[in-house]
Amino acid sequence: MNQETATRVRNFSAQLSSTPRGARLARLLATEQLRTWELPLDPAEHIVAELAANAATHGRVPGRDFRLTLYVVGDTLRIEVTDTRGDRVPHAQLPALDAESGRGLVLVDALADKWGVAPGLPPRKTVWAEIGLPPDVRNPYSGDTGRLPQEPRW
């Protein structure tokens, strides 16, 4: 990986309606952007789906949208979802065993390397998650395995 590739920042942002349709669109747009960047979809697709669903459900204010932002800096993908319910700060907690919902942030906590909530300009808040990206599969000399690539011997 050359210096330019290592320091290049990629980003994507979209404003979406705070509806179930907007949440689905967030997941679809994110997966297409990740494909364009040639990055793995898992687990980012699931994290985007959960954060967008939470924004459309718990962060919804009629007439106000939410924003999905993806950043790639170095070997980290950062997913941000900003809504207009800064008064509702989410936290992960295990729901009752028979509950039909309430597991979204538990999944985000399990899938992301780290996540959190950042206050924004009132009335906004941003829920974010970060995922470490694997070494560049197109460059066998990238990564930190400490091993040189081996050619098959016939």
C-alpha atoms as a PDB file:
ATOM      1  CA  MET A   1       0.000   0.000   0.000  1.00  0.00           C
ATOM      2  CA  ASN A   2       1.527   3.311  -0.967  1.00  0.00           C
ATOM      3  CA  GLN A   3       1.469   6.442   1.197  1.00  0.00           C
ATOM      4  CA  GLU A   4      -1.349   8.033  -0.834  1.00  0.00           C
ATOM      5  CA  THR A   5      -3.612   4.986  -0.346  1.00  0.00           C
ATOM      6  CA  ALA A   6      -2.781   4.794   3.351  1.00  0.00           C
ATOM      7  CA  THR A   7      -3.746   8.417   4.041  1.00  0.00           C
ATOM      8  CA  ARG A   8      -6.665   8.793   1.618  1.00  0.00           C
ATOM      9  CA  VAL A   9      -9.967   9.606   3.312  1.00  0.00           C
ATOM     10  CA  ARG A  10     -13.122   8.328   1.660  1.00  0.00           C
ATOM     11  CA  ASN A  11     -16.553   9.499   2.733  1.00  0.00           C
ATOM     12  CA  PHE A  12     -20.199   9.214   1.810  1.00  0.00           C
ATOM     13  CA  SER A  13     -23.195  11.007   3.277  1.00  0.00           C
ATOM     14  CA  ALA A  14     -26.935  10.922   2.591  1.00  0.00           C
ATOM     15  CA  GLN A  15     -29.945  12.568   4.189  1.00  0.00           C
ATOM     16  CA  LEU A  16     -32.879  10.164   4.472  1.00  0.00           C
ATOM     17  CA  SER A  17     -36.465  10.281   5.687  1.00  0.00           C
ATOM     18  CA  SER A  18     -37.048   9.082   9.251  1.00  0.00           C
ATOM     19  CA  THR A  19     -39.236   6.207   8.114  1.00  0.00           C
ATOM     20  CA  PRO A  20     -38.803   2.446   7.719  1.00  0.00           C
ATOM     21  CA  ARG A  21     -38.308   3.094   4.000  1.00  0.00           C
ATOM     22  CA  GLY A  22     -35.530   5.591   4.777  1.00  0.00           C
ATOM     23  CA  ALA A  23     -33.850   3.044   7.066  1.00  0.00           C
ATOM     24  CA  ARG A  24     -33.940   0.378   4.323  1.00  0.00           C
ATOM     25  CA  LEU A  25     -32.569   2.877   1.825  1.00  0.00           C
ATOM     26  CA  ALA A  26     -29.711   3.697   4.220  1.00  0.00           C
ATOM     27  CA  ARG A  27     -28.694   0.023   4.278  1.00  0.00           C
ATOM     28  CA  LEU A  28     -28.931  -0.280   0.495  1.00  0.00           C
ATOM     29  CA  LEU A  29     -26.946   2.908  -0.145  1.00  0.00           C
ATOM     30  CA  ALA A  30     -24.294   1.874   2.366  1.00  0.00           C
ATOM     31  CA  THR A  31     -23.830  -1.573   0.807  1.00  0.00           C
ATOM     32  CA  GLU A  32     -23.518  -0.065  -2.670  1.00  0.00           C
ATOM     33  CA  GLN A  33     -20.959   2.462  -1.417  1.00  0.00           C
ATOM     34  CA  LEU A  34     -18.963  -0.280   0.322  1.00  0.00           C
ATOM     35  CA  ARG A  35     -19.001  -2.298  -2.927  1.00  0.00           C
ATOM     36  CA  THR A  36     -17.761   0.780  -4.825  1.00  0.00           C
ATOM     37  CA  TRP A  37     -14.923   1.120  -2.314  1.00  0.00           C
ATOM     38  CA  GLU A  38     -14.317  -2.663  -2.612  1.00  0.00           C
ATOM     39  CA  LEU A  39     -14.782  -3.154   1.136  1.00  0.00           C
ATOM     40  CA  PRO A  40     -16.419  -6.117   2.863  1.00  0.00           C
ATOM     41  CA  LEU A  41     -20.128  -5.753   3.561  1.00  0.00           C
ATOM     42  CA  ASP A  42     -20.039  -7.706   6.803  1.00  0.00           C
ATOM     43  CA  PRO A  43     -20.514  -6.503   9.536  1.00  0.00           C
ATOM     44  CA  ALA A  44     -20.997  -2.912   8.312  1.00  0.00           C
ATOM     45  CA  GLU A  45     -24.281  -3.699   6.535  1.00  0.00           C
ATOM     46  CA  HIS A  46     -25.810  -5.010   9.772  1.00  0.00           C
ATOM     47  CA  ILE A  47     -24.567  -2.067  11.822  1.00  0.00           C
ATOM     48  CA  VAL A  48     -25.981   0.452   9.333  1.00  0.00           C
ATOM     49  CA  ALA A  49     -29.311  -1.401   9.338  1.00  0.00           C
ATOM     50  CA  GLU A  50     -29.570  -1.288  13.139  1.00  0.00           C
ATOM     51  CA  LEU A  51     -28.491   2.344  13.547  1.00  0.00           C
ATOM     52  CA  ALA A  52     -30.752   3.536  10.725  1.00  0.00           C
ATOM     53  CA  ALA A  53     -33.717   1.567  12.102  1.00  0.00           C
ATOM     54  CA  ASN A  54     -33.129   3.138  15.515  1.00  0.00           C
ATOM     55  CA  ALA A  55     -32.985   6.628  13.976  1.00  0.00           C
ATOM     56  CA  ALA A  56     -36.243   6.015  12.090  1.00  0.00           C
ATOM     57  CA  THR A  57     -37.955   4.518  15.148  1.00  0.00           C
ATOM     58  CA  HIS A  58     -36.585   6.153  18.291  1.00  0.00           C
ATOM     59  CA  GLY A  59     -34.978   9.281  16.826  1.00  0.00           C
ATOM     60  CA  ARG A  60     -37.915  10.236  14.664  1.00  0.00           C
ATOM     61  CA  VAL A  61     -39.410  13.699  14.740  1.00  0.00           C
ATOM     62  CA  PRO A  62     -42.131  14.250  12.103  1.00  0.00           C
ATOM     63  CA  GLY A  63     -40.799  16.308   9.229  1.00  0.00           C
ATOM     64  CA  ARG A  64     -37.122  15.817  10.172  1.00  0.00           C
ATOM     65  CA  ASP A  65     -34.692  13.479   8.450  1.00  0.00           C
ATOM     66  CA  PHE A  66     -31.682  11.513   9.640  1.00  0.00           C
ATOM     67  CA  ARG A  67     -28.220  11.478   8.087  1.00  0.00           C
ATOM     68  CA  LEU A  68     -26.059   8.464   7.291  1.00  0.00           C
ATOM     69  CA  THR A  69     -22.325   9.105   6.961  1.00  0.00           C
ATOM     70  CA  LEU A  70     -19.568   6.614   6.158  1.00  0.00           C
ATOM     71  CA  TYR A  71     -15.876   7.454   6.510  1.00  0.00           C
ATOM     72  CA  VAL A  72     -12.863   5.343   5.720  1.00  0.00           C
ATOM     73  CA  VAL A  73      -9.660   6.627   7.243  1.00  0.00           C
ATOM     74  CA  GLY A  74      -6.663   4.320   7.012  1.00  0.00           C
ATOM     75  CA  ASP A  75      -7.816   0.886   8.147  1.00  0.00           C
ATOM     76  CA  THR A  76     -11.012   2.015   9.924  1.00  0.00           C
ATOM     77  CA  LEU A  77     -14.579   2.345   8.677  1.00  0.00           C
ATOM     78  CA  ARG A  78     -16.676   4.759  10.741  1.00  0.00           C
ATOM     79  CA  ILE A  79     -20.456   4.645  10.449  1.00  0.00           C
ATOM     80  CA  GLU A  80     -22.447   7.604  11.757  1.00  0.00           C
ATOM     81  CA  VAL A  81     -26.197   8.085  11.965  1.00  0.00           C
ATOM     82  CA  THR A  82     -27.383  11.512  13.085  1.00  0.00           C
ATOM     83  CA  ASP A  83     -30.979  12.142  14.125  1.00  0.00           C
ATOM     84  CA  THR A  84     -32.890  15.022  15.698  1.00  0.00           C
ATOM     85  CA  ARG A  85     -33.699  13.463  19.065  1.00  0.00           C
ATOM     86  CA  GLY A  86     -30.693  14.526  21.117  1.00  0.00           C
ATOM     87  CA  ASP A  87     -32.838  14.144  24.231  1.00  0.00           C
ATOM     88  CA  ARG A  88     -32.972  10.361  23.682  1.00  0.00           C
ATOM     89  CA  VAL A  89     -29.523   8.886  24.277  1.00  0.00           C
ATOM     90  CA  PRO A  90     -29.430   5.189  23.395  1.00  0.00           C
ATOM     91  CA  HIS A  91     -27.727   2.506  25.452  1.00  0.00           C
ATOM     92  CA  ALA A  92     -27.318  -1.213  24.921  1.00  0.00           C
ATOM     93  CA  GLN A  93     -29.190  -3.457  27.299  1.00  0.00           C
ATOM     94  CA  LEU A  94     -30.392  -7.004  27.057  1.00  0.00           C
ATOM     95  CA  PRO A  95     -34.161  -7.161  26.465  1.00  0.00           C
ATOM     96  CA  ALA A  96     -36.463  -9.704  28.048  1.00  0.00           C
ATOM     97  CA  LEU A  97     -36.172 -13.137  26.443  1.00  0.00           C
ATOM     98  CA  ASP A  98     -39.680 -12.898  24.991  1.00  0.00           C
ATOM     99  CA  ALA A  99     -39.270  -9.309  23.703  1.00  0.00           C
ATOM    100  CA  GLU A 100     -39.753  -8.865  19.956  1.00  0.00           C
ATOM    101  CA  SER A 101     -37.389  -5.892  19.701  1.00  0.00           C
ATOM    102  CA  GLY A 102     -34.675  -4.097  21.639  1.00  0.00           C
ATOM    103  CA  ARG A 103     -31.606  -6.015  20.497  1.00  0.00           C
ATOM    104  CA  GLY A 104     -30.257  -3.502  17.957  1.00  0.00           C
ATOM    105  CA  LEU A 105     -27.575  -1.878  20.071  1.00  0.00           C
ATOM    106  CA  VAL A 106     -26.634  -5.224  21.598  1.00  0.00           C
ATOM    107  CA  LEU A 107     -25.884  -6.357  18.031  1.00  0.00           C
ATOM    108  CA  VAL A 108     -23.976  -3.149  17.273  1.00  0.00           C
ATOM    109  CA  ASP A 109     -21.956  -3.665  20.462  1.00  0.00           C
ATOM    110  CA  ALA A 110     -21.132  -7.216  19.410  1.00  0.00           C
ATOM    111  CA  LEU A 111     -20.267  -6.393  15.774  1.00  0.00           C
ATOM    112  CA  ALA A 112     -18.389  -3.085  16.083  1.00  0.00           C
ATOM    113  CA  ASP A 113     -14.896  -2.639  17.459  1.00  0.00           C
ATOM    114  CA  LYS A 114     -16.248   0.383  19.339  1.00  0.00           C
ATOM    115  CA  TRP A 115     -19.349   2.559  19.285  1.00  0.00           C
ATOM    116  CA  GLY A 116     -20.798   5.521  21.099  1.00  0.00           C
ATOM    117  CA  VAL A 117     -23.013   8.580  21.062  1.00  0.00           C
ATOM    118  CA  ALA A 118     -21.888  12.137  20.401  1.00  0.00           C
ATOM    119  CA  PRO A 119     -24.053  15.193  21.069  1.00  0.00           C
ATOM    120  CA  GLY A 120     -24.547  17.546  18.149  1.00  0.00           C
ATOM    121  CA  LEU A 121     -25.983  20.978  17.657  1.00  0.00           C
ATOM    122  CA  PRO A 122     -29.347  20.918  19.429  1.00  0.00           C
ATOM    123  CA  PRO A 123     -31.508  18.953  18.910  1.00  0.00           C
ATOM    124  CA  ARG A 124     -29.146  16.449  17.217  1.00  0.00           C
ATOM    125  CA  LYS A 125     -27.118  13.462  18.323  1.00  0.00           C
ATOM    126  CA  THR A 126     -24.899  11.074  16.382  1.00  0.00           C
ATOM    127  CA  VAL A 127     -24.641   7.370  17.088  1.00  0.00           C
ATOM    128  CA  TRP A 128     -21.397   6.032  15.628  1.00  0.00           C
ATOM    129  CA  ALA A 129     -19.614   2.721  15.255  1.00  0.00           C
ATOM    130  CA  GLU A 130     -16.130   1.853  14.056  1.00  0.00           C
ATOM    131  CA  ILE A 131     -14.908  -1.305  12.365  1.00  0.00           C
ATOM    132  CA  GLY A 132     -11.305  -2.221  11.659  1.00  0.00           C
ATOM    133  CA  LEU A 133     -10.833  -3.195   8.024  1.00  0.00           C
ATOM    134  CA  PRO A 134      -8.882  -6.287   6.984  1.00  0.00           C
ATOM    135  CA  PRO A 135      -5.580  -5.961   5.131  1.00  0.00           C
ATOM    136  CA  ASP A 136      -5.971  -5.111   1.459  1.00  0.00           C
ATOM    137  CA  VAL A 137      -6.673  -8.460  -0.205  1.00  0.00           C
ATOM    138  CA  ARG A 138      -5.473  -7.105  -3.557  1.00  0.00           C
ATOM    139  CA  ASN A 139      -2.031  -6.415  -2.061  1.00  0.00           C
ATOM    140  CA  PRO A 140      -0.499  -9.547  -0.483  1.00  0.00           C
ATOM    141  CA  TYR A 141       2.237  -7.396   1.094  1.00  0.00           C
ATOM    142  CA  SER A 142      -0.189  -5.336   3.204  1.00  0.00           C
ATOM    143  CA  GLY A 143      -1.315  -6.293   6.672  1.00  0.00           C
ATOM    144  CA  ASP A 144       0.488  -7.307   9.801  1.00  0.00           C
ATOM    145  CA  THR A 145       0.871 -11.078   9.561  1.00  0.00           C
ATOM    146  CA  GLY A 146       4.663 -10.897   9.526  1.00  0.00           C
ATOM    147  CA  ARG A 147       4.804 -13.566   6.824  1.00  0.00           C
ATOM    148  CA  LEU A 148       5.828 -13.209   3.212  1.00  0.00           C
ATOM    149  CA  PRO A 149       3.345 -14.570   0.652  1.00  0.00           C
ATOM    150  CA  GLN A 150       4.130 -18.112  -0.337  1.00  0.00           C
ATOM    151  CA  GLU A 151       3.976 -19.246  -3.940  1.00  0.00           C
ATOM    152  CA  PRO A 152       2.609 -22.771  -4.454  1.00  0.00           C
ATOM    153  CA  ARG A 153       5.309 -25.336  -5.103  1.00  0.00           C
ATOM    154  CA  TRP A 154       4.634 -27.983  -7.690  1.00  0.00           C
END
